[in-house]
Amino acid sequence: MYTLQSPLFSADKINTPILFLHGEADTNVPVGESIQMFTALKLLGKPTAFVKVEGEDHHILDYDKRIRWNNTIYAWFYKWLKDQPEWWDALYPPKTL
């Protein structure tokens, strides 16, 4: 029953770009949940990104981190809804492994 209701086990059906933006010290949603879903989507070649905010809980209280949090969301929308990835790429330059 769990696997039938879990989004993790339906990751192959997701085609919308998904941003996982997570406070590292989140006590409401364990960061591992986001990591698992991000990893599943990444392995499936789906458009996704994972951004962890160090030292923050479910609510981002540090002002500078909150500004970066908001800019991250706006840049993600610009990238995927307006086809303007420049802001996103400036915040999070592509990495090669």
PDB file of N, CA and C in Angstrom:
ATOM      1  N   MET A   1       0.824  -1.178   0.000  1.00  0.00           N
ATOM      2  CA  MET A   1       0.000   0.000   0.000  1.00  0.00           C
ATOM      3  C   MET A   1       0.877   1.254   0.000  1.00  0.00           C
ATOM      4  N   TYR A   2       1.985   1.221   0.758  1.00  0.00           N
ATOM      5  CA  TYR A   2       2.869   2.386   0.826  1.00  0.00           C
ATOM      6  C   TYR A   2       3.407   2.761  -0.556  1.00  0.00           C
ATOM      7  N   THR A   3       3.883   1.776  -1.285  1.00  0.00           N
ATOM      8  CA  THR A   3       4.483   2.065  -2.587  1.00  0.00           C
ATOM      9  C   THR A   3       3.472   2.603  -3.584  1.00  0.00           C
ATOM     10  N   LEU A   4       2.218   2.203  -3.457  1.00  0.00           N
ATOM     11  CA  LEU A   4       1.181   2.712  -4.364  1.00  0.00           C
ATOM     12  C   LEU A   4       0.887   4.188  -4.113  1.00  0.00           C
ATOM     13  N   GLN A   5       1.084   4.660  -2.892  1.00  0.00           N
ATOM     14  CA  GLN A   5       0.770   6.051  -2.547  1.00  0.00           C
ATOM     15  C   GLN A   5       2.006   6.947  -2.491  1.00  0.00           C
ATOM     16  N   SER A   6       3.176   6.385  -2.596  1.00  0.00           N
ATOM     17  CA  SER A   6       4.406   7.155  -2.460  1.00  0.00           C
ATOM     18  C   SER A   6       4.791   7.824  -3.778  1.00  0.00           C
ATOM     19  N   PRO A   7       5.039   9.141  -3.763  1.00  0.00           N
ATOM     20  CA  PRO A   7       5.496   9.797  -4.986  1.00  0.00           C
ATOM     21  C   PRO A   7       6.860   9.271  -5.438  1.00  0.00           C
ATOM     22  N   LEU A   8       7.657   8.769  -4.513  1.00  0.00           N
ATOM     23  CA  LEU A   8       8.961   8.226  -4.867  1.00  0.00           C
ATOM     24  C   LEU A   8       8.836   7.071  -5.862  1.00  0.00           C
ATOM     25  N   PHE A   9       7.813   6.261  -5.700  1.00  0.00           N
ATOM     26  CA  PHE A   9       7.627   5.115  -6.572  1.00  0.00           C
ATOM     27  C   PHE A   9       6.861   5.463  -7.847  1.00  0.00           C
ATOM     28  N   SER A  10       6.551   6.738  -8.029  1.00  0.00           N
ATOM     29  CA  SER A  10       5.927   7.216  -9.268  1.00  0.00           C
ATOM     30  C   SER A  10       6.794   8.269  -9.937  1.00  0.00           C
ATOM     31  N   ALA A  11       8.040   8.340  -9.553  1.00  0.00           N
ATOM     32  CA  ALA A  11       8.947   9.363 -10.082  1.00  0.00           C
ATOM     33  C   ALA A  11       9.065   9.291 -11.604  1.00  0.00           C
ATOM     34  N   ASP A  12       8.925   8.111 -12.156  1.00  0.00           N
ATOM     35  CA  ASP A  12       9.045   7.959 -13.607  1.00  0.00           C
ATOM     36  C   ASP A  12       7.934   8.676 -14.365  1.00  0.00           C
ATOM     37  N   LYS A  13       6.845   9.012 -13.692  1.00  0.00           N
ATOM     38  CA  LYS A  13       5.705   9.686 -14.341  1.00  0.00           C
ATOM     39  C   LYS A  13       5.827  11.209 -14.285  1.00  0.00           C
ATOM     40  N   ILE A  14       6.821  11.714 -13.565  1.00  0.00           N
ATOM     41  CA  ILE A  14       6.988  13.155 -13.392  1.00  0.00           C
ATOM     42  C   ILE A  14       7.772  13.723 -14.566  1.00  0.00           C
ATOM     43  N   ASN A  15       7.219  14.767 -15.181  1.00  0.00           N
ATOM     44  CA  ASN A  15       7.906  15.439 -16.284  1.00  0.00           C
ATOM     45  C   ASN A  15       8.107  16.925 -16.025  1.00  0.00           C
ATOM     46  N   THR A  16       7.463  17.455 -15.001  1.00  0.00           N
ATOM     47  CA  THR A  16       7.602  18.861 -14.641  1.00  0.00           C
ATOM     48  C   THR A  16       8.922  19.075 -13.918  1.00  0.00           C
ATOM     49  N   PRO A  17       9.692  20.099 -14.289  1.00  0.00           N
ATOM     50  CA  PRO A  17      10.928  20.389 -13.545  1.00  0.00           C
ATOM     51  C   PRO A  17      10.614  20.680 -12.075  1.00  0.00           C
ATOM     52  N   ILE A  18      11.315  20.010 -11.183  1.00  0.00           N
ATOM     53  CA  ILE A  18      11.045  20.163  -9.749  1.00  0.00           C
ATOM     54  C   ILE A  18      12.296  20.649  -9.025  1.00  0.00           C
ATOM     55  N   LEU A  19      12.113  21.725  -8.259  1.00  0.00           N
ATOM     56  CA  LEU A  19      13.164  22.271  -7.414  1.00  0.00           C
ATOM     57  C   LEU A  19      12.919  21.806  -5.979  1.00  0.00           C
ATOM     58  N   PHE A  20      13.918  21.178  -5.385  1.00  0.00           N
ATOM     59  CA  PHE A  20      13.864  20.815  -3.977  1.00  0.00           C
ATOM     60  C   PHE A  20      14.696  21.831  -3.215  1.00  0.00           C
ATOM     61  N   LEU A  21      14.033  22.655  -2.432  1.00  0.00           N
ATOM     62  CA  LEU A  21      14.668  23.720  -1.671  1.00  0.00           C
ATOM     63  C   LEU A  21      14.387  23.426  -0.207  1.00  0.00           C
ATOM     64  N   HIS A  22      15.434  23.106   0.538  1.00  0.00           N
ATOM     65  CA  HIS A  22      15.222  22.506   1.852  1.00  0.00           C
ATOM     66  C   HIS A  22      16.147  23.094   2.904  1.00  0.00           C
ATOM     67  N   GLY A  23      15.581  23.425   4.058  1.00  0.00           N
ATOM     68  CA  GLY A  23      16.393  23.815   5.207  1.00  0.00           C
ATOM     69  C   GLY A  23      17.087  22.587   5.767  1.00  0.00           C
ATOM     70  N   GLU A  24      18.377  22.694   6.006  1.00  0.00           N
ATOM     71  CA  GLU A  24      19.160  21.544   6.474  1.00  0.00           C
ATOM     72  C   GLU A  24      18.673  21.021   7.823  1.00  0.00           C
ATOM     73  N   ALA A  25      18.206  21.910   8.678  1.00  0.00           N
ATOM     74  CA  ALA A  25      17.769  21.525  10.019  1.00  0.00           C
ATOM     75  C   ALA A  25      16.249  21.464  10.125  1.00  0.00           C
ATOM     76  N   ASP A  26      15.571  21.180   9.027  1.00  0.00           N
ATOM     77  CA  ASP A  26      14.104  21.139   8.993  1.00  0.00           C
ATOM     78  C   ASP A  26      13.590  20.044   9.926  1.00  0.00           C
ATOM     79  N   THR A  27      12.743  20.444  10.881  1.00  0.00           N
ATOM     80  CA  THR A  27      12.168  19.470  11.812  1.00  0.00           C
ATOM     81  C   THR A  27      10.782  19.015  11.369  1.00  0.00           C
ATOM     82  N   ASN A  28      10.212  19.652  10.347  1.00  0.00           N
ATOM     83  CA  ASN A  28       8.891  19.243   9.839  1.00  0.00           C
ATOM     84  C   ASN A  28       9.011  18.170   8.762  1.00  0.00           C
ATOM     85  N   VAL A  29       9.932  18.382   7.852  1.00  0.00           N
ATOM     86  CA  VAL A  29      10.136  17.440   6.746  1.00  0.00           C
ATOM     87  C   VAL A  29      11.604  17.044   6.749  1.00  0.00           C
ATOM     88  N   PRO A  30      11.915  15.791   7.014  1.00  0.00           N
ATOM     89  CA  PRO A  30      13.316  15.368   7.024  1.00  0.00           C
ATOM     90  C   PRO A  30      13.978  15.622   5.663  1.00  0.00           C
ATOM     91  N   VAL A  31      15.179  16.172   5.685  1.00  0.00           N
ATOM     92  CA  VAL A  31      15.879  16.502   4.446  1.00  0.00           C
ATOM     93  C   VAL A  31      16.097  15.253   3.579  1.00  0.00           C
ATOM     94  N   GLY A  32      16.172  14.099   4.217  1.00  0.00           N
ATOM     95  CA  GLY A  32      16.343  12.846   3.470  1.00  0.00           C
ATOM     96  C   GLY A  32      15.210  12.564   2.497  1.00  0.00           C
ATOM     97  N   GLU A  33      14.005  13.038   2.807  1.00  0.00           N
ATOM     98  CA  GLU A  33      12.875  12.837   1.907  1.00  0.00           C
ATOM     99  C   GLU A  33      13.120  13.561   0.581  1.00  0.00           C
ATOM    100  N   SER A  34      13.604  14.792   0.674  1.00  0.00           N
ATOM    101  CA  SER A  34      13.908  15.552  -0.542  1.00  0.00           C
ATOM    102  C   SER A  34      15.074  14.930  -1.296  1.00  0.00           C
ATOM    103  N   ILE A  35      16.075  14.486  -0.563  1.00  0.00           N
ATOM    104  CA  ILE A  35      17.243  13.874  -1.205  1.00  0.00           C
ATOM    105  C   ILE A  35      16.840  12.619  -1.973  1.00  0.00           C
ATOM    106  N   GLN A  36      15.979  11.800  -1.378  1.00  0.00           N
ATOM    107  CA  GLN A  36      15.537  10.570  -2.055  1.00  0.00           C
ATOM    108  C   GLN A  36      14.802  10.887  -3.353  1.00  0.00           C
ATOM    109  N   MET A  37      13.878  11.837  -3.300  1.00  0.00           N
ATOM    110  CA  MET A  37      13.097  12.154  -4.495  1.00  0.00           C
ATOM    111  C   MET A  37      13.970  12.820  -5.548  1.00  0.00           C
ATOM    112  N   PHE A  38      14.844  13.728  -5.120  1.00  0.00           N
ATOM    113  CA  PHE A  38      15.770  14.361  -6.049  1.00  0.00           C
ATOM    114  C   PHE A  38      16.627  13.303  -6.747  1.00  0.00           C
ATOM    115  N   THR A  39      17.169  12.374  -5.973  1.00  0.00           N
ATOM    116  CA  THR A  39      18.028  11.332  -6.529  1.00  0.00           C
ATOM    117  C   THR A  39      17.274  10.465  -7.526  1.00  0.00           C
ATOM    118  N   ALA A  40      16.050  10.098  -7.189  1.00  0.00           N
ATOM    119  CA  ALA A  40      15.240   9.285  -8.108  1.00  0.00           C
ATOM    120  C   ALA A  40      15.020  10.022  -9.427  1.00  0.00           C
ATOM    121  N   LEU A  41      14.662  11.293  -9.351  1.00  0.00           N
ATOM    122  CA  LEU A  41      14.424  12.068 -10.570  1.00  0.00           C
ATOM    123  C   LEU A  41      15.715  12.241 -11.371  1.00  0.00           C
ATOM    124  N   LYS A  42      16.808  12.493 -10.671  1.00  0.00           N
ATOM    125  CA  LYS A  42      18.092  12.678 -11.347  1.00  0.00           C
ATOM    126  C   LYS A  42      18.501  11.400 -12.080  1.00  0.00           C
ATOM    127  N   LEU A  43      18.345  10.249 -11.415  1.00  0.00           N
ATOM    128  CA  LEU A  43      18.693   8.968 -12.046  1.00  0.00           C
ATOM    129  C   LEU A  43      17.825   8.679 -13.266  1.00  0.00           C
ATOM    130  N   LEU A  44      16.605   9.192 -13.247  1.00  0.00           N
ATOM    131  CA  LEU A  44      15.688   9.009 -14.379  1.00  0.00           C
ATOM    132  C   LEU A  44      15.900  10.057 -15.474  1.00  0.00           C
ATOM    133  N   GLY A  45      16.833  10.977 -15.253  1.00  0.00           N
ATOM    134  CA  GLY A  45      17.119  11.999 -16.246  1.00  0.00           C
ATOM    135  C   GLY A  45      16.081  13.112 -16.307  1.00  0.00           C
ATOM    136  N   LYS A  46      15.331  13.281 -15.238  1.00  0.00           N
ATOM    137  CA  LYS A  46      14.290  14.309 -15.181  1.00  0.00           C
ATOM    138  C   LYS A  46      14.919  15.648 -14.774  1.00  0.00           C
ATOM    139  N   PRO A  47      14.318  16.777 -15.210  1.00  0.00           N
ATOM    140  CA  PRO A  47      14.846  18.084 -14.820  1.00  0.00           C
ATOM    141  C   PRO A  47      14.553  18.381 -13.348  1.00  0.00           C
ATOM    142  N   THR A  48      15.601  18.532 -12.561  1.00  0.00           N
ATOM    143  CA  THR A  48      15.449  18.743 -11.126  1.00  0.00           C
ATOM    144  C   THR A  48      16.690  19.419 -10.562  1.00  0.00           C
ATOM    145  N   ALA A  49      16.538  20.010  -9.399  1.00  0.00           N
ATOM    146  CA  ALA A  49      17.672  20.599  -8.680  1.00  0.00           C
ATOM    147  C   ALA A  49      17.391  20.475  -7.191  1.00  0.00           C
ATOM    148  N   PHE A  50      18.464  20.417  -6.424  1.00  0.00           N
ATOM    149  CA  PHE A  50      18.356  20.321  -4.971  1.00  0.00           C
ATOM    150  C   PHE A  50      19.225  21.404  -4.357  1.00  0.00           C
ATOM    151  N   VAL A  51      18.624  22.249  -3.530  1.00  0.00           N
ATOM    152  CA  VAL A  51      19.343  23.315  -2.837  1.00  0.00           C
ATOM    153  C   VAL A  51      19.075  23.160  -1.343  1.00  0.00           C
ATOM    154  N   LYS A  52      20.146  23.012  -0.576  1.00  0.00           N
ATOM    155  CA  LYS A  52      20.024  22.876   0.874  1.00  0.00           C
ATOM    156  C   LYS A  52      20.486  24.171   1.522  1.00  0.00           C
ATOM    157  N   VAL A  53      19.671  24.694   2.428  1.00  0.00           N
ATOM    158  CA  VAL A  53      20.008  25.924   3.143  1.00  0.00           C
ATOM    159  C   VAL A  53      20.578  25.535   4.499  1.00  0.00           C
ATOM    160  N   GLU A  54      21.857  25.779   4.669  1.00  0.00           N
ATOM    161  CA  GLU A  54      22.568  25.377   5.879  1.00  0.00           C
ATOM    162  C   GLU A  54      22.006  26.068   7.122  1.00  0.00           C
ATOM    163  N   GLY A  55      21.831  25.283   8.188  1.00  0.00           N
ATOM    164  CA  GLY A  55      21.469  25.815   9.490  1.00  0.00           C
ATOM    165  C   GLY A  55      20.058  26.358   9.627  1.00  0.00           C
ATOM    166  N   GLU A  56      19.199  26.122   8.658  1.00  0.00           N
ATOM    167  CA  GLU A  56      17.832  26.649   8.724  1.00  0.00           C
ATOM    168  C   GLU A  56      16.828  25.518   8.875  1.00  0.00           C
ATOM    169  N   ASP A  57      15.727  25.858   9.517  1.00  0.00           N
ATOM    170  CA  ASP A  57      14.642  24.913   9.764  1.00  0.00           C
ATOM    171  C   ASP A  57      13.640  24.988   8.607  1.00  0.00           C
ATOM    172  N   HIS A  58      12.402  24.649   8.874  1.00  0.00           N
ATOM    173  CA  HIS A  58      11.346  24.684   7.867  1.00  0.00           C
ATOM    174  C   HIS A  58      11.070  26.122   7.420  1.00  0.00           C
ATOM    175  N   HIS A  59      11.257  27.068   8.342  1.00  0.00           N
ATOM    176  CA  HIS A  59      11.104  28.490   8.026  1.00  0.00           C
ATOM    177  C   HIS A  59      12.491  29.106   8.021  1.00  0.00           C
ATOM    178  N   ILE A  60      12.795  29.848   6.991  1.00  0.00           N
ATOM    179  CA  ILE A  60      14.110  30.471   6.868  1.00  0.00           C
ATOM    180  C   ILE A  60      14.070  31.802   7.613  1.00  0.00           C
ATOM    181  N   LEU A  61      14.773  31.883   8.730  1.00  0.00           N
ATOM    182  CA  LEU A  61      14.723  33.067   9.580  1.00  0.00           C
ATOM    183  C   LEU A  61      15.842  34.063   9.291  1.00  0.00           C
ATOM    184  N   ASP A  62      17.003  33.581   8.889  1.00  0.00           N
ATOM    185  CA  ASP A  62      18.113  34.473   8.575  1.00  0.00           C
ATOM    186  C   ASP A  62      17.750  35.298   7.332  1.00  0.00           C
ATOM    187  N   TYR A  63      17.847  36.620   7.444  1.00  0.00           N
ATOM    188  CA  TYR A  63      17.382  37.509   6.379  1.00  0.00           C
ATOM    189  C   TYR A  63      18.111  37.261   5.054  1.00  0.00           C
ATOM    190  N   ASP A  64      19.435  37.187   5.094  1.00  0.00           N
ATOM    191  CA  ASP A  64      20.201  36.978   3.865  1.00  0.00           C
ATOM    192  C   ASP A  64      19.867  35.636   3.212  1.00  0.00           C
ATOM    193  N   LYS A  65      19.680  34.609   4.038  1.00  0.00           N
ATOM    194  CA  LYS A  65      19.315  33.295   3.500  1.00  0.00           C
ATOM    195  C   LYS A  65      17.905  33.313   2.925  1.00  0.00           C
ATOM    196  N   ARG A  66      17.020  34.092   3.540  1.00  0.00           N
ATOM    197  CA  ARG A  66      15.647  34.202   3.030  1.00  0.00           C
ATOM    198  C   ARG A  66      15.633  34.890   1.656  1.00  0.00           C
ATOM    199  N   ILE A  67      16.469  35.917   1.498  1.00  0.00           N
ATOM    200  CA  ILE A  67      16.582  36.591   0.201  1.00  0.00           C
ATOM    201  C   ILE A  67      17.091  35.608  -0.850  1.00  0.00           C
ATOM    202  N   ARG A  68      18.123  34.857  -0.499  1.00  0.00           N
ATOM    203  CA  ARG A  68      18.662  33.855  -1.449  1.00  0.00           C
ATOM    204  C   ARG A  68      17.609  32.787  -1.746  1.00  0.00           C
ATOM    205  N   TRP A  69      16.857  32.368  -0.731  1.00  0.00           N
ATOM    206  CA  TRP A  69      15.766  31.396  -0.895  1.00  0.00           C
ATOM    207  C   TRP A  69      14.771  31.901  -1.942  1.00  0.00           C
ATOM    208  N   ASN A  70      14.312  33.141  -1.772  1.00  0.00           N
ATOM    209  CA  ASN A  70      13.351  33.726  -2.713  1.00  0.00           C
ATOM    210  C   ASN A  70      13.955  33.866  -4.104  1.00  0.00           C
ATOM    211  N   ASN A  71      15.191  34.349  -4.176  1.00  0.00           N
ATOM    212  CA  ASN A  71      15.844  34.491  -5.477  1.00  0.00           C
ATOM    213  C   ASN A  71      16.010  33.142  -6.167  1.00  0.00           C
ATOM    214  N   THR A  72      16.254  32.101  -5.391  1.00  0.00           N
ATOM    215  CA  THR A  72      16.371  30.750  -5.953  1.00  0.00           C
ATOM    216  C   THR A  72      15.060  30.340  -6.615  1.00  0.00           C
ATOM    217  N   ILE A  73      13.955  30.587  -5.954  1.00  0.00           N
ATOM    218  CA  ILE A  73      12.643  30.241  -6.511  1.00  0.00           C
ATOM    219  C   ILE A  73      12.374  31.049  -7.777  1.00  0.00           C
ATOM    220  N   TYR A  74      12.607  32.363  -7.706  1.00  0.00           N
ATOM    221  CA  TYR A  74      12.358  33.218  -8.878  1.00  0.00           C
ATOM    222  C   TYR A  74      13.242  32.807 -10.058  1.00  0.00           C
ATOM    223  N   ALA A  75      14.510  32.528  -9.778  1.00  0.00           N
ATOM    224  CA  ALA A  75      15.433  32.137 -10.843  1.00  0.00           C
ATOM    225  C   ALA A  75      15.005  30.815 -11.468  1.00  0.00           C
ATOM    226  N   TRP A  76      14.501  29.896 -10.647  1.00  0.00           N
ATOM    227  CA  TRP A  76      14.008  28.613 -11.164  1.00  0.00           C
ATOM    228  C   TRP A  76      12.833  28.841 -12.113  1.00  0.00           C
ATOM    229  N   PHE A  77      11.909  29.701 -11.734  1.00  0.00           N
ATOM    230  CA  PHE A  77      10.766  30.002 -12.600  1.00  0.00           C
ATOM    231  C   PHE A  77      11.220  30.681 -13.888  1.00  0.00           C
ATOM    232  N   TYR A  78      12.169  31.606 -13.782  1.00  0.00           N
ATOM    233  CA  TYR A  78      12.681  32.255 -14.989  1.00  0.00           C
ATOM    234  C   TYR A  78      13.298  31.222 -15.925  1.00  0.00           C
ATOM    235  N   LYS A  79      14.026  30.289 -15.349  1.00  0.00           N
ATOM    236  CA  LYS A  79      14.681  29.254 -16.165  1.00  0.00           C
ATOM    237  C   LYS A  79      13.660  28.396 -16.903  1.00  0.00           C
ATOM    238  N   TRP A  80      12.649  27.930 -16.190  1.00  0.00           N
ATOM    239  CA  TRP A  80      11.747  26.946 -16.772  1.00  0.00           C
ATOM    240  C   TRP A  80      10.467  27.530 -17.370  1.00  0.00           C
ATOM    241  N   LEU A  81      10.013  28.665 -16.894  1.00  0.00           N
ATOM    242  CA  LEU A  81       8.774  29.239 -17.435  1.00  0.00           C
ATOM    243  C   LEU A  81       9.032  30.310 -18.488  1.00  0.00           C
ATOM    244  N   LYS A  82      10.190  30.967 -18.408  1.00  0.00           N
ATOM    245  CA  LYS A  82      10.500  32.032 -19.361  1.00  0.00           C
ATOM    246  C   LYS A  82      11.660  31.675 -20.284  1.00  0.00           C
ATOM    247  N   ASP A  83      12.226  30.489 -20.093  1.00  0.00           N
ATOM    248  CA  ASP A  83      13.377  30.046 -20.880  1.00  0.00           C
ATOM    249  C   ASP A  83      14.530  31.051 -20.784  1.00  0.00           C
ATOM    250  N   GLN A  84      14.753  31.546 -19.547  1.00  0.00           N
ATOM    251  CA  GLN A  84      15.835  32.490 -19.270  1.00  0.00           C
ATOM    252  C   GLN A  84      16.669  31.942 -18.103  1.00  0.00           C
ATOM    253  N   PRO A  85      17.606  31.039 -18.394  1.00  0.00           N
ATOM    254  CA  PRO A  85      18.362  30.369 -17.332  1.00  0.00           C
ATOM    255  C   PRO A  85      19.518  31.179 -16.751  1.00  0.00           C
ATOM    256  N   GLU A  86      19.737  32.405 -17.234  1.00  0.00           N
ATOM    257  CA  GLU A  86      20.915  33.163 -16.824  1.00  0.00           C
ATOM    258  C   GLU A  86      20.961  33.411 -15.309  1.00  0.00           C
ATOM    259  N   TRP A  87      19.850  33.789 -14.727  1.00  0.00           N
ATOM    260  CA  TRP A  87      19.809  34.077 -13.294  1.00  0.00           C
ATOM    261  C   TRP A  87      20.132  32.804 -12.502  1.00  0.00           C
ATOM    262  N   TRP A  88      19.494  31.704 -12.887  1.00  0.00           N
ATOM    263  CA  TRP A  88      19.745  30.428 -12.217  1.00  0.00           C
ATOM    264  C   TRP A  88      21.217  30.042 -12.337  1.00  0.00           C
ATOM    265  N   ASP A  89      21.761  30.159 -13.536  1.00  0.00           N
ATOM    266  CA  ASP A  89      23.161  29.770 -13.760  1.00  0.00           C
ATOM    267  C   ASP A  89      24.131  30.673 -12.989  1.00  0.00           C
ATOM    268  N   ALA A  90      23.742  31.936 -12.755  1.00  0.00           N
ATOM    269  CA  ALA A  90      24.584  32.823 -11.961  1.00  0.00           C
ATOM    270  C   ALA A  90      24.558  32.415 -10.485  1.00  0.00           C
ATOM    271  N   LEU A  91      23.385  32.012  -9.991  1.00  0.00           N
ATOM    272  CA  LEU A  91      23.273  31.568  -8.601  1.00  0.00           C
ATOM    273  C   LEU A  91      23.910  30.193  -8.394  1.00  0.00           C
ATOM    274  N   TYR A  92      23.698  29.303  -9.351  1.00  0.00           N
ATOM    275  CA  TYR A  92      24.133  27.909  -9.233  1.00  0.00           C
ATOM    276  C   TYR A  92      24.821  27.490 -10.541  1.00  0.00           C
ATOM    277  N   PRO A  93      26.091  27.848 -10.700  1.00  0.00           N
ATOM    278  CA  PRO A  93      26.804  27.505 -11.928  1.00  0.00           C
ATOM    279  C   PRO A  93      26.800  25.992 -12.154  1.00  0.00           C
ATOM    280  N   PRO A  94      26.672  25.587 -13.414  1.00  0.00           N
ATOM    281  CA  PRO A  94      26.693  24.140 -13.710  1.00  0.00           C
ATOM    282  C   PRO A  94      27.989  23.500 -13.224  1.00  0.00           C
ATOM    283  N   LYS A  95      27.852  22.298 -12.681  1.00  0.00           N
ATOM    284  CA  LYS A  95      29.015  21.558 -12.178  1.00  0.00           C
ATOM    285  C   LYS A  95      29.234  20.345 -13.067  1.00  0.00           C
ATOM    286  N   THR A  96      30.494  20.023 -13.276  1.00  0.00           N
ATOM    287  CA  THR A  96      30.824  18.794 -13.981  1.00  0.00           C
ATOM    288  C   THR A  96      31.465  17.841 -12.980  1.00  0.00           C
ATOM    289  N   LEU A  97      31.038  16.607 -13.044  1.00  0.00           N
ATOM    290  CA  LEU A  97      31.577  15.611 -12.101  1.00  0.00           C
ATOM    291  C   LEU A  97      32.675  14.797 -12.735  1.00  0.00           C
TER     292      LEU A  97
END
